[in-house]
Amino acid sequence: MPEEIKLIQPAPVGRDENGMFAHPDMPDFDEGDGDKVKAWVAEQALEVAMVSIEYADQAIADRYFEAGDPDCSYWEPDQPDGEGWFCLAIHDTDDGPACWWARREVTP
């Protein structure tokens, strides 16, 4: 009998001192685990959208990039349009902080 997959559910977003967050039920992926991430997202039947501070309100983006400080706790990433989105992670990238939003795929 195949093992039942535990589907990730929305969780409270508790950001750290720099404004970063990782959903407590998300696996700990390493850099370069793109294929593992894609497989997990598909297994979870998630639609994922990324929002970057780079494209946030200009004042917020300028504040982050001009400060030279890893703190982005003042940034509130815009949630994508539609129902059911929850935060998977807020993490640093080569282009500054990004937020990964997820929701269950909508079946027609």
PDB file of N, CA and C in Angstrom:
ATOM      1  N   MET A   1       0.853  -1.170   0.000  1.00  0.00           N
ATOM      2  CA  MET A   1       0.000   0.000   0.000  1.00  0.00           C
ATOM      3  C   MET A   1       0.904   1.240   0.000  1.00  0.00           C
ATOM      4  N   PRO A   2       0.666   2.186  -0.947  1.00  0.00           N
ATOM      5  CA  PRO A   2       1.522   3.373  -0.992  1.00  0.00           C
ATOM      6  C   PRO A   2       1.320   4.248   0.241  1.00  0.00           C
ATOM      7  N   GLU A   3       2.412   4.934   0.609  1.00  0.00           N
ATOM      8  CA  GLU A   3       2.354   5.832   1.752  1.00  0.00           C
ATOM      9  C   GLU A   3       1.488   7.037   1.416  1.00  0.00           C
ATOM     10  N   GLU A   4       0.618   7.411   2.355  1.00  0.00           N
ATOM     11  CA  GLU A   4      -0.250   8.568   2.144  1.00  0.00           C
ATOM     12  C   GLU A   4       0.579   9.849   2.220  1.00  0.00           C
ATOM     13  N   ILE A   5       0.345  10.743   1.280  1.00  0.00           N
ATOM     14  CA  ILE A   5       1.067  12.008   1.228  1.00  0.00           C
ATOM     15  C   ILE A   5       0.366  13.004   2.141  1.00  0.00           C
ATOM     16  N   LYS A   6       1.143  13.619   3.038  1.00  0.00           N
ATOM     17  CA  LYS A   6       0.603  14.655   3.906  1.00  0.00           C
ATOM     18  C   LYS A   6       0.708  15.972   3.151  1.00  0.00           C
ATOM     19  N   LEU A   7      -0.433  16.554   2.816  1.00  0.00           N
ATOM     20  CA  LEU A   7      -0.449  17.813   2.078  1.00  0.00           C
ATOM     21  C   LEU A   7      -0.178  18.982   3.014  1.00  0.00           C
ATOM     22  N   ILE A   8       0.702  19.851   2.585  1.00  0.00           N
ATOM     23  CA  ILE A   8       1.049  21.046   3.353  1.00  0.00           C
ATOM     24  C   ILE A   8      -0.180  21.949   3.434  1.00  0.00           C
ATOM     25  N   GLN A   9      -0.340  22.588   4.583  1.00  0.00           N
ATOM     26  CA  GLN A   9      -1.477  23.468   4.832  1.00  0.00           C
ATOM     27  C   GLN A   9      -0.961  24.850   5.231  1.00  0.00           C
ATOM     28  N   PRO A  10      -1.787  25.876   5.117  1.00  0.00           N
ATOM     29  CA  PRO A  10      -1.363  27.203   5.573  1.00  0.00           C
ATOM     30  C   PRO A  10      -0.909  27.163   7.036  1.00  0.00           C
ATOM     31  N   ALA A  11       0.075  27.987   7.350  1.00  0.00           N
ATOM     32  CA  ALA A  11       0.598  28.082   8.719  1.00  0.00           C
ATOM     33  C   ALA A  11       0.873  29.549   9.034  1.00  0.00           C
ATOM     34  N   PRO A  12       0.868  29.909  10.307  1.00  0.00           N
ATOM     35  CA  PRO A  12       1.201  31.289  10.665  1.00  0.00           C
ATOM     36  C   PRO A  12       2.620  31.631  10.186  1.00  0.00           C
ATOM     37  N   VAL A  13       2.789  32.865   9.731  1.00  0.00           N
ATOM     38  CA  VAL A  13       4.087  33.319   9.233  1.00  0.00           C
ATOM     39  C   VAL A  13       4.825  34.017  10.360  1.00  0.00           C
ATOM     40  N   GLY A  14       5.820  33.337  10.892  1.00  0.00           N
ATOM     41  CA  GLY A  14       6.665  33.896  11.946  1.00  0.00           C
ATOM     42  C   GLY A  14       8.039  34.199  11.366  1.00  0.00           C
ATOM     43  N   ARG A  15       8.248  35.442  11.004  1.00  0.00           N
ATOM     44  CA  ARG A  15       9.498  35.832  10.354  1.00  0.00           C
ATOM     45  C   ARG A  15      10.610  36.025  11.384  1.00  0.00           C
ATOM     46  N   ASP A  16      11.852  35.746  10.967  1.00  0.00           N
ATOM     47  CA  ASP A  16      12.991  35.914  11.865  1.00  0.00           C
ATOM     48  C   ASP A  16      13.419  37.379  11.918  1.00  0.00           C
ATOM     49  N   GLU A  17      14.528  37.658  12.590  1.00  0.00           N
ATOM     50  CA  GLU A  17      14.975  39.039  12.795  1.00  0.00           C
ATOM     51  C   GLU A  17      15.298  39.776  11.504  1.00  0.00           C
ATOM     52  N   ASN A  18      15.562  39.037  10.429  1.00  0.00           N
ATOM     53  CA  ASN A  18      15.823  39.664   9.130  1.00  0.00           C
ATOM     54  C   ASN A  18      14.616  39.624   8.201  1.00  0.00           C
ATOM     55  N   GLY A  19      13.495  39.106   8.705  1.00  0.00           N
ATOM     56  CA  GLY A  19      12.281  39.059   7.906  1.00  0.00           C
ATOM     57  C   GLY A  19      12.124  37.803   7.067  1.00  0.00           C
ATOM     58  N   MET A  20      12.981  36.817   7.288  1.00  0.00           N
ATOM     59  CA  MET A  20      12.911  35.577   6.513  1.00  0.00           C
ATOM     60  C   MET A  20      11.943  34.605   7.179  1.00  0.00           C
ATOM     61  N   PHE A  21      11.463  33.637   6.394  1.00  0.00           N
ATOM     62  CA  PHE A  21      10.488  32.657   6.882  1.00  0.00           C
ATOM     63  C   PHE A  21      10.570  31.404   6.036  1.00  0.00           C
ATOM     64  N   ALA A  22      10.414  30.264   6.676  1.00  0.00           N
ATOM     65  CA  ALA A  22      10.251  28.994   5.967  1.00  0.00           C
ATOM     66  C   ALA A  22       9.081  28.265   6.617  1.00  0.00           C
ATOM     67  N   HIS A  23       8.137  27.816   5.804  1.00  0.00           N
ATOM     68  CA  HIS A  23       6.980  27.083   6.316  1.00  0.00           C
ATOM     69  C   HIS A  23       7.500  25.874   7.100  1.00  0.00           C
ATOM     70  N   PRO A  24       6.971  25.631   8.297  1.00  0.00           N
ATOM     71  CA  PRO A  24       7.500  24.545   9.132  1.00  0.00           C
ATOM     72  C   PRO A  24       7.342  23.146   8.535  1.00  0.00           C
ATOM     73  N   ASP A  25       6.411  22.959   7.598  1.00  0.00           N
ATOM     74  CA  ASP A  25       6.194  21.638   7.004  1.00  0.00           C
ATOM     75  C   ASP A  25       6.827  21.485   5.625  1.00  0.00           C
ATOM     76  N   MET A  26       7.572  22.494   5.198  1.00  0.00           N
ATOM     77  CA  MET A  26       8.235  22.404   3.902  1.00  0.00           C
ATOM     78  C   MET A  26       9.580  21.705   4.080  1.00  0.00           C
ATOM     79  N   PRO A  27       9.928  20.781   3.188  1.00  0.00           N
ATOM     80  CA  PRO A  27      11.237  20.132   3.301  1.00  0.00           C
ATOM     81  C   PRO A  27      12.363  21.164   3.224  1.00  0.00           C
ATOM     82  N   ASP A  28      13.501  20.819   3.793  1.00  0.00           N
ATOM     83  CA  ASP A  28      14.669  21.696   3.795  1.00  0.00           C
ATOM     84  C   ASP A  28      15.478  21.426   2.528  1.00  0.00           C
ATOM     85  N   PHE A  29      15.182  22.168   1.475  1.00  0.00           N
ATOM     86  CA  PHE A  29      15.881  21.991   0.209  1.00  0.00           C
ATOM     87  C   PHE A  29      17.191  22.761   0.222  1.00  0.00           C
ATOM     88  N   ASP A  30      18.178  22.224  -0.491  1.00  0.00           N
ATOM     89  CA  ASP A  30      19.466  22.888  -0.636  1.00  0.00           C
ATOM     90  C   ASP A  30      19.516  23.613  -1.968  1.00  0.00           C
ATOM     91  N   GLU A  31      20.462  24.555  -2.075  1.00  0.00           N
ATOM     92  CA  GLU A  31      20.672  25.235  -3.350  1.00  0.00           C
ATOM     93  C   GLU A  31      21.011  24.170  -4.395  1.00  0.00           C
ATOM     94  N   GLY A  32      20.403  24.277  -5.563  1.00  0.00           N
ATOM     95  CA  GLY A  32      20.634  23.300  -6.618  1.00  0.00           C
ATOM     96  C   GLY A  32      19.653  22.135  -6.603  1.00  0.00           C
ATOM     97  N   ASP A  33      18.686  22.140  -5.672  1.00  0.00           N
ATOM     98  CA  ASP A  33      17.683  21.069  -5.580  1.00  0.00           C
ATOM     99  C   ASP A  33      16.446  21.360  -6.424  1.00  0.00           C
ATOM    100  N   GLY A  34      16.611  22.079  -7.526  1.00  0.00           N
ATOM    101  CA  GLY A  34      15.476  22.480  -8.344  1.00  0.00           C
ATOM    102  C   GLY A  34      14.561  21.340  -8.739  1.00  0.00           C
ATOM    103  N   ASP A  35      15.134  20.206  -9.140  1.00  0.00           N
ATOM    104  CA  ASP A  35      14.310  19.068  -9.546  1.00  0.00           C
ATOM    105  C   ASP A  35      13.536  18.483  -8.364  1.00  0.00           C
ATOM    106  N   LYS A  36      14.164  18.451  -7.201  1.00  0.00           N
ATOM    107  CA  LYS A  36      13.480  17.959  -5.994  1.00  0.00           C
ATOM    108  C   LYS A  36      12.338  18.895  -5.607  1.00  0.00           C
ATOM    109  N   VAL A  37      12.580  20.198  -5.727  1.00  0.00           N
ATOM    110  CA  VAL A  37      11.542  21.183  -5.409  1.00  0.00           C
ATOM    111  C   VAL A  37      10.359  20.998  -6.357  1.00  0.00           C
ATOM    112  N   LYS A  38      10.635  20.887  -7.660  1.00  0.00           N
ATOM    113  CA  LYS A  38       9.562  20.700  -8.644  1.00  0.00           C
ATOM    114  C   LYS A  38       8.767  19.427  -8.372  1.00  0.00           C
ATOM    115  N   ALA A  39       9.459  18.350  -8.019  1.00  0.00           N
ATOM    116  CA  ALA A  39       8.771  17.089  -7.728  1.00  0.00           C
ATOM    117  C   ALA A  39       7.889  17.232  -6.489  1.00  0.00           C
ATOM    118  N   TRP A  40       8.393  17.913  -5.456  1.00  0.00           N
ATOM    119  CA  TRP A  40       7.611  18.109  -4.235  1.00  0.00           C
ATOM    120  C   TRP A  40       6.384  18.971  -4.513  1.00  0.00           C
ATOM    121  N   VAL A  41       6.548  20.050  -5.271  1.00  0.00           N
ATOM    122  CA  VAL A  41       5.432  20.930  -5.614  1.00  0.00           C
ATOM    123  C   VAL A  41       4.358  20.142  -6.370  1.00  0.00           C
ATOM    124  N   ALA A  42       4.779  19.312  -7.329  1.00  0.00           N
ATOM    125  CA  ALA A  42       3.823  18.498  -8.089  1.00  0.00           C
ATOM    126  C   ALA A  42       3.128  17.485  -7.185  1.00  0.00           C
ATOM    127  N   GLU A  43       3.877  16.823  -6.312  1.00  0.00           N
ATOM    128  CA  GLU A  43       3.311  15.847  -5.377  1.00  0.00           C
ATOM    129  C   GLU A  43       2.283  16.503  -4.456  1.00  0.00           C
ATOM    130  N   GLN A  44       2.548  17.754  -4.086  1.00  0.00           N
ATOM    131  CA  GLN A  44       1.658  18.507  -3.210  1.00  0.00           C
ATOM    132  C   GLN A  44       0.476  19.127  -3.951  1.00  0.00           C
ATOM    133  N   ALA A  45       0.479  19.030  -5.291  1.00  0.00           N
ATOM    134  CA  ALA A  45      -0.567  19.622  -6.139  1.00  0.00           C
ATOM    135  C   ALA A  45      -0.693  21.124  -5.872  1.00  0.00           C
ATOM    136  N   LEU A  46       0.463  21.809  -5.861  1.00  0.00           N
ATOM    137  CA  LEU A  46       0.492  23.236  -5.586  1.00  0.00           C
ATOM    138  C   LEU A  46       0.727  24.060  -6.841  1.00  0.00           C
ATOM    139  N   GLU A  47       0.138  25.219  -6.842  1.00  0.00           N
ATOM    140  CA  GLU A  47       0.474  26.277  -7.784  1.00  0.00           C
ATOM    141  C   GLU A  47       1.353  27.220  -6.974  1.00  0.00           C
ATOM    142  N   VAL A  48       2.490  27.629  -7.527  1.00  0.00           N
ATOM    143  CA  VAL A  48       3.437  28.469  -6.797  1.00  0.00           C
ATOM    144  C   VAL A  48       3.675  29.755  -7.578  1.00  0.00           C
ATOM    145  N   ALA A  49       3.748  30.861  -6.854  1.00  0.00           N
ATOM    146  CA  ALA A  49       4.045  32.163  -7.460  1.00  0.00           C
ATOM    147  C   ALA A  49       5.108  32.855  -6.611  1.00  0.00           C
ATOM    148  N   MET A  50       6.042  33.517  -7.287  1.00  0.00           N
ATOM    149  CA  MET A  50       7.100  34.228  -6.581  1.00  0.00           C
ATOM    150  C   MET A  50       6.889  35.735  -6.692  1.00  0.00           C
ATOM    151  N   VAL A  51       7.119  36.425  -5.583  1.00  0.00           N
ATOM    152  CA  VAL A  51       7.077  37.883  -5.540  1.00  0.00           C
ATOM    153  C   VAL A  51       8.433  38.330  -5.006  1.00  0.00           C
ATOM    154  N   SER A  52       9.075  39.255  -5.699  1.00  0.00           N
ATOM    155  CA  SER A  52      10.404  39.709  -5.318  1.00  0.00           C
ATOM    156  C   SER A  52      10.375  41.140  -4.790  1.00  0.00           C
ATOM    157  N   ILE A  53      11.212  41.413  -3.803  1.00  0.00           N
ATOM    158  CA  ILE A  53      11.332  42.779  -3.294  1.00  0.00           C
ATOM    159  C   ILE A  53      11.843  43.705  -4.397  1.00  0.00           C
ATOM    160  N   GLU A  54      12.561  43.130  -5.350  1.00  0.00           N
ATOM    161  CA  GLU A  54      13.112  43.907  -6.469  1.00  0.00           C
ATOM    162  C   GLU A  54      12.007  44.644  -7.232  1.00  0.00           C
ATOM    163  N   TYR A  55      10.795  44.047  -7.264  1.00  0.00           N
ATOM    164  CA  TYR A  55       9.677  44.643  -7.998  1.00  0.00           C
ATOM    165  C   TYR A  55       8.601  45.189  -7.069  1.00  0.00           C
ATOM    166  N   ALA A  56       8.949  45.351  -5.792  1.00  0.00           N
ATOM    167  CA  ALA A  56       8.005  45.910  -4.813  1.00  0.00           C
ATOM    168  C   ALA A  56       7.892  47.409  -5.032  1.00  0.00           C
ATOM    169  N   ASP A  57       7.100  48.040  -4.200  1.00  0.00           N
ATOM    170  CA  ASP A  57       7.014  49.499  -4.187  1.00  0.00           C
ATOM    171  C   ASP A  57       8.438  50.047  -4.250  1.00  0.00           C
ATOM    172  N   GLN A  58       8.657  51.043  -5.087  1.00  0.00           N
ATOM    173  CA  GLN A  58      10.010  51.569  -5.331  1.00  0.00           C
ATOM    174  C   GLN A  58      10.707  52.011  -4.049  1.00  0.00           C
ATOM    175  N   ALA A  59       9.977  52.630  -3.131  1.00  0.00           N
ATOM    176  CA  ALA A  59      10.586  53.088  -1.876  1.00  0.00           C
ATOM    177  C   ALA A  59      11.092  51.905  -1.047  1.00  0.00           C
ATOM    178  N   ILE A  60      10.342  50.819  -1.043  1.00  0.00           N
ATOM    179  CA  ILE A  60      10.752  49.631  -0.286  1.00  0.00           C
ATOM    180  C   ILE A  60      11.966  48.985  -0.947  1.00  0.00           C
ATOM    181  N   ALA A  61      11.928  48.843  -2.262  1.00  0.00           N
ATOM    182  CA  ALA A  61      13.069  48.266  -2.979  1.00  0.00           C
ATOM    183  C   ALA A  61      14.314  49.115  -2.763  1.00  0.00           C
ATOM    184  N   ASP A  62      14.178  50.436  -2.885  1.00  0.00           N
ATOM    185  CA  ASP A  62      15.325  51.325  -2.685  1.00  0.00           C
ATOM    186  C   ASP A  62      15.861  51.189  -1.259  1.00  0.00           C
ATOM    187  N   ARG A  63      14.963  51.149  -0.290  1.00  0.00           N
ATOM    188  CA  ARG A  63      15.391  51.025   1.107  1.00  0.00           C
ATOM    189  C   ARG A  63      16.240  49.774   1.294  1.00  0.00           C
ATOM    190  N   TYR A  64      15.785  48.657   0.741  1.00  0.00           N
ATOM    191  CA  TYR A  64      16.523  47.404   0.903  1.00  0.00           C
ATOM    192  C   TYR A  64      17.879  47.451   0.190  1.00  0.00           C
ATOM    193  N   PHE A  65      17.873  47.809  -1.077  1.00  0.00           N
ATOM    194  CA  PHE A  65      19.100  47.740  -1.864  1.00  0.00           C
ATOM    195  C   PHE A  65      20.119  48.816  -1.489  1.00  0.00           C
ATOM    196  N   GLU A  66      19.667  49.943  -0.978  1.00  0.00           N
ATOM    197  CA  GLU A  66      20.598  51.006  -0.583  1.00  0.00           C
ATOM    198  C   GLU A  66      21.154  50.807   0.826  1.00  0.00           C
ATOM    199  N   ALA A  67      20.457  50.031   1.654  1.00  0.00           N
ATOM    200  CA  ALA A  67      20.874  49.855   3.046  1.00  0.00           C
ATOM    201  C   ALA A  67      22.091  48.946   3.190  1.00  0.00           C
ATOM    202  N   GLY A  68      22.241  47.975   2.298  1.00  0.00           N
ATOM    203  CA  GLY A  68      23.326  47.016   2.452  1.00  0.00           C
ATOM    204  C   GLY A  68      23.156  46.149   3.690  1.00  0.00           C
ATOM    205  N   ASP A  69      21.918  45.986   4.121  1.00  0.00           N
ATOM    206  CA  ASP A  69      21.566  45.252   5.330  1.00  0.00           C
ATOM    207  C   ASP A  69      20.627  44.116   4.921  1.00  0.00           C
ATOM    208  N   PRO A  70      20.791  42.903   5.474  1.00  0.00           N
ATOM    209  CA  PRO A  70      19.925  41.789   5.071  1.00  0.00           C
ATOM    210  C   PRO A  70      18.496  41.869   5.609  1.00  0.00           C
ATOM    211  N   ASP A  71      18.191  42.867   6.435  1.00  0.00           N
ATOM    212  CA  ASP A  71      16.864  42.979   7.039  1.00  0.00           C
ATOM    213  C   ASP A  71      15.828  43.444   6.019  1.00  0.00           C
ATOM    214  N   CYS A  72      14.791  42.615   5.835  1.00  0.00           N
ATOM    215  CA  CYS A  72      13.665  43.000   4.975  1.00  0.00           C
ATOM    216  C   CYS A  72      12.352  42.844   5.730  1.00  0.00           C
ATOM    217  N   SER A  73      12.426  42.866   7.059  1.00  0.00           N
ATOM    218  CA  SER A  73      11.245  42.613   7.884  1.00  0.00           C
ATOM    219  C   SER A  73      10.128  43.632   7.671  1.00  0.00           C
ATOM    220  N   TYR A  74      10.450  44.793   7.146  1.00  0.00           N
ATOM    221  CA  TYR A  74       9.454  45.841   6.878  1.00  0.00           C
ATOM    222  C   TYR A  74       8.685  45.583   5.579  1.00  0.00           C
ATOM    223  N   TRP A  75       9.161  44.670   4.755  1.00  0.00           N
ATOM    224  CA  TRP A  75       8.527  44.346   3.472  1.00  0.00           C
ATOM    225  C   TRP A  75       7.385  43.366   3.686  1.00  0.00           C
ATOM    226  N   GLU A  76       6.213  43.727   3.207  1.00  0.00           N
ATOM    227  CA  GLU A  76       5.049  42.845   3.236  1.00  0.00           C
ATOM    228  C   GLU A  76       4.766  42.427   1.797  1.00  0.00           C
ATOM    229  N   PRO A  77       5.218  41.229   1.405  1.00  0.00           N
ATOM    230  CA  PRO A  77       5.055  40.797   0.009  1.00  0.00           C
ATOM    231  C   PRO A  77       3.586  40.758  -0.415  1.00  0.00           C
ATOM    232  N   ASP A  78       3.320  41.261  -1.617  1.00  0.00           N
ATOM    233  CA  ASP A  78       1.963  41.239  -2.150  1.00  0.00           C
ATOM    234  C   ASP A  78       1.535  39.808  -2.437  1.00  0.00           C
ATOM    235  N   GLN A  79       0.340  39.483  -1.988  1.00  0.00           N
ATOM    236  CA  GLN A  79      -0.236  38.170  -2.258  1.00  0.00           C
ATOM    237  C   GLN A  79      -0.797  38.183  -3.670  1.00  0.00           C
ATOM    238  N   PRO A  80      -0.602  37.098  -4.436  1.00  0.00           N
ATOM    239  CA  PRO A  80      -1.182  37.046  -5.786  1.00  0.00           C
ATOM    240  C   PRO A  80      -2.707  37.146  -5.740  1.00  0.00           C
ATOM    241  N   ASP A  81      -3.280  37.559  -6.850  1.00  0.00           N
ATOM    242  CA  ASP A  81      -4.736  37.638  -6.956  1.00  0.00           C
ATOM    243  C   ASP A  81      -5.341  36.241  -6.851  1.00  0.00           C
ATOM    244  N   GLY A  82      -6.518  36.173  -6.285  1.00  0.00           N
ATOM    245  CA  GLY A  82      -7.236  34.904  -6.203  1.00  0.00           C
ATOM    246  C   GLY A  82      -7.306  34.403  -4.768  1.00  0.00           C
ATOM    247  N   GLU A  83      -7.970  33.282  -4.608  1.00  0.00           N
ATOM    248  CA  GLU A  83      -8.226  32.691  -3.297  1.00  0.00           C
ATOM    249  C   GLU A  83      -7.201  31.604  -2.959  1.00  0.00           C
ATOM    250  N   GLY A  84      -7.013  31.390  -1.666  1.00  0.00           N
ATOM    251  CA  GLY A  84      -6.289  30.225  -1.180  1.00  0.00           C
ATOM    252  C   GLY A  84      -4.777  30.315  -1.071  1.00  0.00           C
ATOM    253  N   TRP A  85      -4.199  31.471  -1.326  1.00  0.00           N
ATOM    254  CA  TRP A  85      -2.739  31.595  -1.268  1.00  0.00           C
ATOM    255  C   TRP A  85      -2.235  31.594   0.170  1.00  0.00           C
ATOM    256  N   PHE A  86      -1.108  30.928   0.400  1.00  0.00           N
ATOM    257  CA  PHE A  86      -0.424  30.978   1.688  1.00  0.00           C
ATOM    258  C   PHE A  86       1.080  31.037   1.450  1.00  0.00           C
ATOM    259  N   CYS A  87       1.805  31.540   2.429  1.00  0.00           N
ATOM    260  CA  CYS A  87       3.239  31.748   2.291  1.00  0.00           C
ATOM    261  C   CYS A  87       4.003  30.450   2.544  1.00  0.00           C
ATOM    262  N   LEU A  88       4.851  30.080   1.578  1.00  0.00           N
ATOM    263  CA  LEU A  88       5.757  28.943   1.757  1.00  0.00           C
ATOM    264  C   LEU A  88       7.098  29.395   2.324  1.00  0.00           C
ATOM    265  N   ALA A  89       7.589  30.522   1.823  1.00  0.00           N
ATOM    266  CA  ALA A  89       8.912  30.977   2.266  1.00  0.00           C
ATOM    267  C   ALA A  89       9.158  32.418   1.867  1.00  0.00           C
ATOM    268  N   ILE A  90       9.956  33.083   2.670  1.00  0.00           N
ATOM    269  CA  ILE A  90      10.545  34.378   2.319  1.00  0.00           C
ATOM    270  C   ILE A  90      12.040  34.169   2.536  1.00  0.00           C
ATOM    271  N   HIS A  91      12.800  34.256   1.462  1.00  0.00           N
ATOM    272  CA  HIS A  91      14.223  33.955   1.565  1.00  0.00           C
ATOM    273  C   HIS A  91      15.023  34.867   0.656  1.00  0.00           C
ATOM    274  N   ASP A  92      16.319  34.909   0.899  1.00  0.00           N
ATOM    275  CA  ASP A  92      17.205  35.749   0.108  1.00  0.00           C
ATOM    276  C   ASP A  92      17.589  35.030  -1.178  1.00  0.00           C
ATOM    277  N   THR A  93      17.702  35.783  -2.248  1.00  0.00           N
ATOM    278  CA  THR A  93      18.163  35.263  -3.531  1.00  0.00           C
ATOM    279  C   THR A  93      19.273  36.190  -4.025  1.00  0.00           C
ATOM    280  N   ASP A  94      19.849  35.863  -5.161  1.00  0.00           N
ATOM    281  CA  ASP A  94      20.871  36.726  -5.756  1.00  0.00           C
ATOM    282  C   ASP A  94      20.312  38.101  -6.101  1.00  0.00           C
ATOM    283  N   ASP A  95      18.986  38.190  -6.279  1.00  0.00           N
ATOM    284  CA  ASP A  95      18.330  39.450  -6.634  1.00  0.00           C
ATOM    285  C   ASP A  95      17.590  40.079  -5.458  1.00  0.00           C
ATOM    286  N   GLY A  96      17.930  39.675  -4.235  1.00  0.00           N
ATOM    287  CA  GLY A  96      17.264  40.197  -3.056  1.00  0.00           C
ATOM    288  C   GLY A  96      16.178  39.240  -2.573  1.00  0.00           C
ATOM    289  N   PRO A  97      15.510  39.587  -1.483  1.00  0.00           N
ATOM    290  CA  PRO A  97      14.490  38.714  -0.911  1.00  0.00           C
ATOM    291  C   PRO A  97      13.341  38.429  -1.888  1.00  0.00           C
ATOM    292  N   ALA A  98      12.829  37.206  -1.773  1.00  0.00           N
ATOM    293  CA  ALA A  98      11.683  36.776  -2.577  1.00  0.00           C
ATOM    294  C   ALA A  98      10.728  36.015  -1.677  1.00  0.00           C
ATOM    295  N   CYS A  99       9.458  36.115  -1.987  1.00  0.00           N
ATOM    296  CA  CYS A  99       8.424  35.380  -1.263  1.00  0.00           C
ATOM    297  C   CYS A  99       7.800  34.368  -2.204  1.00  0.00           C
ATOM    298  N   TRP A 100       7.708  33.135  -1.734  1.00  0.00           N
ATOM    299  CA  TRP A 100       7.045  32.074  -2.494  1.00  0.00           C
ATOM    300  C   TRP A 100       5.665  31.850  -1.898  1.00  0.00           C
ATOM    301  N   TRP A 101       4.655  32.100  -2.718  1.00  0.00           N
ATOM    302  CA  TRP A 101       3.260  31.870  -2.344  1.00  0.00           C
ATOM    303  C   TRP A 101       2.809  30.565  -2.976  1.00  0.00           C
ATOM    304  N   ALA A 102       1.892  29.861  -2.317  1.00  0.00           N
ATOM    305  CA  ALA A 102       1.377  28.607  -2.862  1.00  0.00           C
ATOM    306  C   ALA A 102      -0.117  28.487  -2.589  1.00  0.00           C
ATOM    307  N   ARG A 103      -0.758  27.698  -3.422  1.00  0.00           N
ATOM    308  CA  ARG A 103      -2.152  27.311  -3.199  1.00  0.00           C
ATOM    309  C   ARG A 103      -2.382  26.021  -3.956  1.00  0.00           C
ATOM    310  N   ARG A 104      -3.429  25.308  -3.566  1.00  0.00           N
ATOM    311  CA  ARG A 104      -3.764  24.064  -4.251  1.00  0.00           C
ATOM    312  C   ARG A 104      -4.140  24.379  -5.686  1.00  0.00           C
ATOM    313  N   GLU A 105      -3.662  23.545  -6.584  1.00  0.00           N
ATOM    314  CA  GLU A 105      -4.025  23.721  -7.991  1.00  0.00           C
ATOM    315  C   GLU A 105      -5.534  23.614  -8.123  1.00  0.00           C
ATOM    316  N   VAL A 106      -6.084  24.473  -8.932  1.00  0.00           N
ATOM    317  CA  VAL A 106      -7.518  24.458  -9.185  1.00  0.00           C
ATOM    318  C   VAL A 106      -7.772  23.521 -10.351  1.00  0.00           C
ATOM    319  N   THR A 107      -8.606  22.500 -10.126  1.00  0.00           N
ATOM    320  CA  THR A 107      -8.925  21.559 -11.195  1.00  0.00           C
ATOM    321  C   THR A 107     -10.210  22.002 -11.880  1.00  0.00           C
ATOM    322  N   PRO A 108     -10.225  21.940 -13.198  1.00  0.00           N
ATOM    323  CA  PRO A 108     -11.422  22.391 -13.935  1.00  0.00           C
ATOM    324  C   PRO A 108     -12.634  21.513 -13.701  1.00  0.00           C
TER     325      PRO A 108
END
